[in-house]
């Protein structure tokens, strides 16, 4: 690990890190996504993790509570996919998170919520945020931010109306988990699961990820509500299409949803 990786506050007794990735650990930062935006694009993928974020954010600039003991990290890399495919990295990240969290939580309690949340027993435990810049130019960047409620979850009354109840891993983790429940161990496992699903996509195409994601998804086959910029739609969550869009069954026929906020019953 580099000197920056073992800066003050980083735990250094974690297992060996993968040789083809770099890791940066910070005591505190405004947000790991903002820190990624300030850094040059690295020669190889780099995970930027922080023990504490002071101005964490989620989708659409919403605040994300990130207290000490929780997980906050961003994977920064050169985009290795055409611009139109970059949003599909949310499925790579979701599948990786599912597998990583199953170290501490029974798999039958975990589900993925379209497009970028992870649930434990129907409650939100983790979120994913993607940002890219310089699209269409050589070496354009891709930042994938991940936040996990490890030690604590935000108060219910701090969340917007209709949001799922939050949950912390510490409240549901198995006592016999093979790794201690710590952010550094989560990052060690997540970095490997992420690369495994990224290779699956590269070798087998997005349909392999699509089928795996559907098999882990919350709400498939049931009623959902989708919030769009021009209003809400209700219908049945039928499937994902080959582009990762949600297919919503409505009385007027299937609707293809490329972006929106899903509300489960």
Protein backbone atom coordinates (compact mmCIF):
# COMPACT_ATOMS: atom_id res chain seq x y z
CA UNK A 1 0.00 0.00 0.00
CA UNK A 2 1.22 3.49 -0.74
CA UNK A 3 2.18 6.04 1.93
CA UNK A 4 -1.01 7.91 1.21
CA UNK A 5 -3.03 4.78 1.66
CA UNK A 6 -1.68 4.26 5.18
CA UNK A 7 -2.14 7.88 6.22
CA UNK A 8 -3.22 8.66 9.76
CA UNK A 9 -6.51 7.03 10.62
CA UNK A 10 -6.26 4.17 8.13
CA UNK A 11 -6.37 0.68 9.63
CA UNK A 12 -3.37 -1.24 8.34
CA UNK A 13 -4.06 -4.77 9.56
CA UNK A 14 -6.45 -5.57 6.72
CA UNK A 15 -5.63 -8.43 4.32
CA UNK A 16 -3.39 -7.74 1.34
CA UNK A 17 -4.95 -5.42 -1.22
CA UNK A 18 -5.24 -6.44 -4.89
CA UNK A 19 -2.08 -5.59 -6.80
CA UNK A 20 -3.88 -4.02 -9.77
CA UNK A 21 -5.74 -1.39 -7.73
CA UNK A 22 -4.68 1.62 -5.69
CA UNK A 23 -6.22 2.77 -2.43
CA UNK A 24 -6.27 6.16 -0.72
CA UNK A 25 -7.49 6.49 2.88
CA UNK A 26 -8.35 9.86 4.38
CA UNK A 27 -9.32 10.81 7.92
CA UNK A 28 -11.94 13.30 6.75
CA UNK A 29 -13.06 14.90 3.51
CA UNK A 30 -16.03 16.91 2.27
CA UNK A 31 -17.07 13.92 0.15
CA UNK A 32 -15.15 11.18 -1.57
CA UNK A 33 -16.89 12.13 -4.82
CA UNK A 34 -15.67 15.72 -4.53
CA UNK A 35 -12.20 14.47 -3.68
CA UNK A 36 -12.26 12.26 -6.78
CA UNK A 37 -13.23 15.27 -8.90
CA UNK A 38 -10.20 17.19 -7.63
CA UNK A 39 -7.72 14.45 -8.47
CA UNK A 40 -6.21 13.68 -11.87
CA UNK A 41 -7.44 10.53 -13.53
CA UNK A 42 -5.18 7.75 -12.18
CA UNK A 43 -3.23 5.30 -14.28
CA UNK A 44 -5.21 2.45 -12.73
CA UNK A 45 -8.44 2.27 -10.75
CA UNK A 46 -8.15 3.93 -7.35
CA UNK A 47 -10.49 3.63 -4.38
CA UNK A 48 -10.69 6.80 -2.30
CA UNK A 49 -12.06 6.05 1.17
CA UNK A 50 -12.71 8.37 4.09
CA UNK A 51 -13.34 7.70 7.76
CA UNK A 52 -15.67 10.70 7.81
CA UNK A 53 -17.39 12.92 5.24
CA UNK A 54 -18.51 16.44 6.15
CA UNK A 55 -20.63 17.17 3.05
CA UNK A 56 -21.60 13.77 1.69
CA UNK A 57 -24.20 13.70 -1.06
CA UNK A 58 -26.37 11.23 -2.89
CA UNK A 59 -28.47 11.37 -6.05
CA UNK A 60 -29.61 14.80 -7.26
CA UNK A 61 -27.35 16.49 -4.72
CA UNK A 62 -29.31 15.19 -1.74
CA UNK A 63 -27.41 15.12 1.56
CA UNK A 64 -26.13 11.71 2.64
CA UNK A 65 -25.44 11.17 6.32
CA UNK A 66 -21.94 9.76 6.78
CA UNK A 67 -20.93 9.42 10.40
CA UNK A 68 -17.69 7.92 11.69
CA UNK A 69 -17.87 4.14 11.52
CA UNK A 70 -19.83 4.11 8.29
CA UNK A 71 -18.45 3.31 4.85
CA UNK A 72 -17.69 6.00 2.28
CA UNK A 73 -15.60 5.36 -0.80
CA UNK A 74 -15.34 6.30 -4.46
CA UNK A 75 -13.77 4.27 -7.24
CA UNK A 76 -12.02 6.63 -9.66
CA UNK A 77 -10.83 5.44 -13.06
CA UNK A 78 -10.62 6.20 -16.73
CA UNK A 79 -13.93 5.25 -18.31
CA UNK A 80 -13.42 1.99 -20.18
CA UNK A 81 -16.83 1.96 -21.85
CA UNK A 82 -18.59 4.12 -24.43
CA UNK A 83 -20.44 7.07 -22.82
CA UNK A 84 -23.83 5.45 -23.46
CA UNK A 85 -22.82 2.41 -21.36
CA UNK A 86 -21.43 4.18 -18.30
CA UNK A 87 -24.74 4.18 -16.40
CA UNK A 88 -24.67 0.37 -16.49
CA UNK A 89 -21.87 0.49 -13.95
CA UNK A 90 -24.59 0.96 -11.33
CA UNK A 91 -25.49 -2.70 -11.90
CA UNK A 92 -21.85 -3.76 -11.50
CA UNK A 93 -21.69 -1.84 -8.23
CA UNK A 94 -25.03 -3.18 -7.02
CA UNK A 95 -24.13 -6.79 -7.68
CA UNK A 96 -20.74 -6.32 -6.03
CA UNK A 97 -22.36 -4.74 -2.97
CA UNK A 98 -24.86 -7.59 -2.74
CA UNK A 99 -22.07 -10.16 -2.68
CA UNK A 100 -19.90 -8.13 -0.29
CA UNK A 101 -22.66 -7.51 2.23
CA UNK A 102 -23.62 -11.19 2.18
CA UNK A 103 -20.43 -11.78 4.19
CA UNK A 104 -22.20 -10.15 7.15
CA UNK A 105 -25.93 -10.42 6.30
CA UNK A 106 -27.87 -13.53 5.18
CA UNK A 107 -28.35 -13.40 1.42
CA UNK A 108 -32.09 -13.93 1.70
CA UNK A 109 -32.39 -10.56 3.48
CA UNK A 110 -30.57 -8.64 0.73
CA UNK A 111 -32.22 -7.13 -2.35
CA UNK A 112 -31.30 -4.55 -4.99
CA UNK A 113 -33.59 -1.60 -5.64
CA UNK A 114 -33.52 -0.04 -9.09
CA UNK A 115 -31.44 1.77 -10.02
CA UNK A 116 -28.82 2.14 -7.27
CA UNK A 117 -29.83 1.13 -3.73
CA UNK A 118 -29.19 -1.96 -1.63
CA UNK A 119 -31.76 -3.11 0.91
CA UNK A 120 -31.64 -5.34 3.98
CA UNK A 121 -35.03 -6.76 4.93
CA UNK A 122 -36.66 -4.00 2.88
CA UNK A 123 -34.70 -1.16 4.53
CA UNK A 124 -32.02 0.91 2.81
CA UNK A 125 -28.47 0.09 3.85
CA UNK A 126 -26.39 1.39 0.92
CA UNK A 127 -26.51 3.72 -2.07
CA UNK A 128 -24.54 4.18 -5.28
CA UNK A 129 -23.74 7.41 -7.14
CA UNK A 130 -22.16 7.63 -10.61
CA UNK A 131 -20.56 10.72 -12.13
CA UNK A 132 -18.47 11.13 -15.27
CA UNK A 133 -16.69 14.07 -16.83
CA UNK A 134 -14.82 14.74 -20.03
CA UNK A 135 -17.10 12.31 -21.84
CA UNK A 136 -16.08 11.95 -25.46
CA UNK A 137 -12.48 12.98 -24.81
CA UNK A 138 -9.43 10.81 -24.31
CA UNK A 139 -9.10 9.60 -20.73
CA UNK A 140 -12.49 10.81 -19.56
CA UNK A 141 -13.16 9.91 -15.96
CA UNK A 142 -15.68 7.78 -14.15
CA UNK A 143 -16.33 8.09 -10.42
CA UNK A 144 -18.50 5.54 -8.61
CA UNK A 145 -19.37 6.53 -5.07
CA UNK A 146 -20.68 4.07 -2.50
CA UNK A 147 -22.06 4.79 0.95
CA UNK A 148 -23.00 2.10 3.45
CA UNK A 149 -24.67 2.44 6.85
CA UNK A 150 -22.25 0.28 8.80
CA UNK A 151 -22.24 1.50 12.40
CA UNK A 152 -25.32 3.73 12.27
CA UNK A 153 -28.23 4.77 10.08
CA UNK A 154 -29.63 8.29 9.65
CA UNK A 155 -32.69 9.25 11.72
CA UNK A 156 -35.95 8.43 9.95
CA UNK A 157 -37.19 12.01 10.29
CA UNK A 158 -34.15 13.32 8.39
CA UNK A 159 -35.19 11.54 5.20
CA UNK A 160 -37.55 12.80 2.48
CA UNK A 161 -41.18 11.74 2.44
CA UNK A 162 -41.67 8.28 0.99
CA UNK A 163 -38.06 7.19 1.58
CA UNK A 164 -37.47 3.67 2.77
CA UNK A 165 -36.60 3.16 6.41
CA UNK A 166 -32.82 3.14 6.92
CA UNK A 167 -30.91 0.33 8.59
CA UNK A 168 -27.36 -0.19 9.82
CA UNK A 169 -25.33 -3.34 9.22
CA UNK A 170 -24.30 -3.38 12.88
CA UNK A 171 -27.93 -4.01 13.82
CA UNK A 172 -28.32 -7.09 11.64
CA UNK A 173 -24.83 -8.52 11.11
CA UNK A 174 -24.25 -12.19 11.84
CA UNK A 175 -22.16 -12.88 14.95
CA UNK A 176 -20.29 -15.65 13.10
CA UNK A 177 -19.28 -13.55 10.05
CA UNK A 178 -15.82 -14.56 8.73
CA UNK A 179 -14.57 -10.93 8.70
CA UNK A 180 -14.94 -8.22 11.34
CA UNK A 181 -17.53 -5.58 10.46
CA UNK A 182 -15.20 -2.68 9.69
CA UNK A 183 -15.09 -0.27 6.73
CA UNK A 184 -11.57 -1.36 5.72
CA UNK A 185 -12.60 -5.02 5.53
CA UNK A 186 -15.71 -4.07 3.58
CA UNK A 187 -13.56 -2.14 1.08
CA UNK A 188 -11.12 -5.03 0.76
CA UNK A 189 -13.94 -7.40 -0.13
CA UNK A 190 -15.90 -4.89 -2.24
CA UNK A 191 -12.90 -4.01 -4.41
CA UNK A 192 -12.56 -7.66 -5.39
CA UNK A 193 -16.28 -8.28 -5.94
CA UNK A 194 -16.48 -5.14 -8.09
CA UNK A 195 -13.65 -6.30 -10.36
CA UNK A 196 -15.18 -9.75 -10.66
CA UNK A 197 -18.52 -8.36 -11.88
CA UNK A 198 -16.75 -5.87 -14.14
CA UNK A 199 -14.90 -8.76 -15.80
CA UNK A 200 -18.17 -10.69 -16.11
CA UNK A 201 -19.65 -7.76 -18.03
CA UNK A 202 -16.57 -7.50 -20.27
CA UNK A 203 -16.49 -11.22 -21.01
CA UNK A 204 -20.19 -12.14 -21.15
CA UNK A 205 -22.01 -8.92 -22.04
CA UNK A 206 -24.56 -6.92 -20.12
CA UNK A 207 -27.25 -9.60 -20.37
CA UNK A 208 -25.29 -11.69 -17.87
CA UNK A 209 -25.42 -8.81 -15.38
CA UNK A 210 -29.05 -8.07 -16.23
CA UNK A 211 -30.18 -11.60 -15.41
CA UNK A 212 -28.13 -11.69 -12.21
CA UNK A 213 -29.50 -8.33 -11.11
CA UNK A 214 -33.13 -9.30 -11.77
CA UNK A 215 -32.63 -12.41 -9.64
CA UNK A 216 -31.67 -10.19 -6.70
CA UNK A 217 -34.09 -7.31 -7.30
CA UNK A 218 -36.78 -5.94 -5.02
CA UNK A 219 -40.28 -5.52 -6.42
CA UNK A 220 -40.01 -7.48 -9.68
CA UNK A 221 -43.44 -8.77 -10.65
CA UNK A 222 -45.24 -6.51 -8.21
CA UNK A 223 -46.73 -3.01 -8.07
CA UNK A 224 -44.42 0.01 -7.84
CA UNK A 225 -44.61 3.76 -8.24
CA UNK A 226 -42.01 5.63 -10.28
CA UNK A 227 -41.42 9.35 -9.79
CA UNK A 228 -40.50 11.16 -13.01
CA UNK A 229 -39.82 14.87 -13.60
CA UNK A 230 -43.33 15.35 -15.00
CA UNK A 231 -45.24 13.24 -12.46
CA UNK A 232 -45.62 9.76 -11.00
CA UNK A 233 -46.44 6.52 -12.80
CA UNK A 234 -47.81 3.36 -11.20
CA UNK A 235 -47.72 -0.12 -12.63
CA UNK A 236 -46.02 -3.48 -12.43
CA UNK A 237 -42.25 -3.85 -12.39
CA UNK A 238 -41.96 -6.31 -15.27
CA UNK A 239 -38.23 -6.57 -15.95
CA UNK A 240 -35.11 -4.73 -17.09
CA UNK A 241 -34.60 -4.20 -20.79
CA UNK A 242 -31.25 -4.84 -22.55
CA UNK A 243 -30.20 -1.24 -21.80
CA UNK A 244 -30.83 -1.51 -18.07
CA UNK A 245 -34.06 0.49 -18.20
CA UNK A 246 -36.96 -0.48 -15.97
CA UNK A 247 -39.96 -1.85 -17.88
CA UNK A 248 -43.16 -0.75 -16.18
CA UNK A 249 -46.40 -2.52 -17.08
CA UNK A 250 -49.26 -0.03 -17.27
CA UNK A 251 -52.87 -0.19 -18.55
CA UNK A 252 -51.64 1.58 -21.67
CA UNK A 253 -48.88 -0.91 -22.29
CA UNK A 254 -45.24 -1.30 -21.19
CA UNK A 255 -43.34 1.90 -20.38
CA UNK A 256 -39.56 2.04 -20.57
CA UNK A 257 -38.08 4.08 -17.71
CA UNK A 258 -34.48 5.23 -18.15
CA UNK A 259 -34.27 7.29 -14.96
CA UNK A 260 -36.58 7.85 -12.03
CA UNK A 261 -37.15 7.17 -8.35
CA UNK A 262 -38.87 3.92 -7.47
CA UNK A 263 -41.22 3.58 -4.50
CA UNK A 264 -42.09 0.10 -3.28
CA UNK A 265 -45.38 -0.77 -1.52
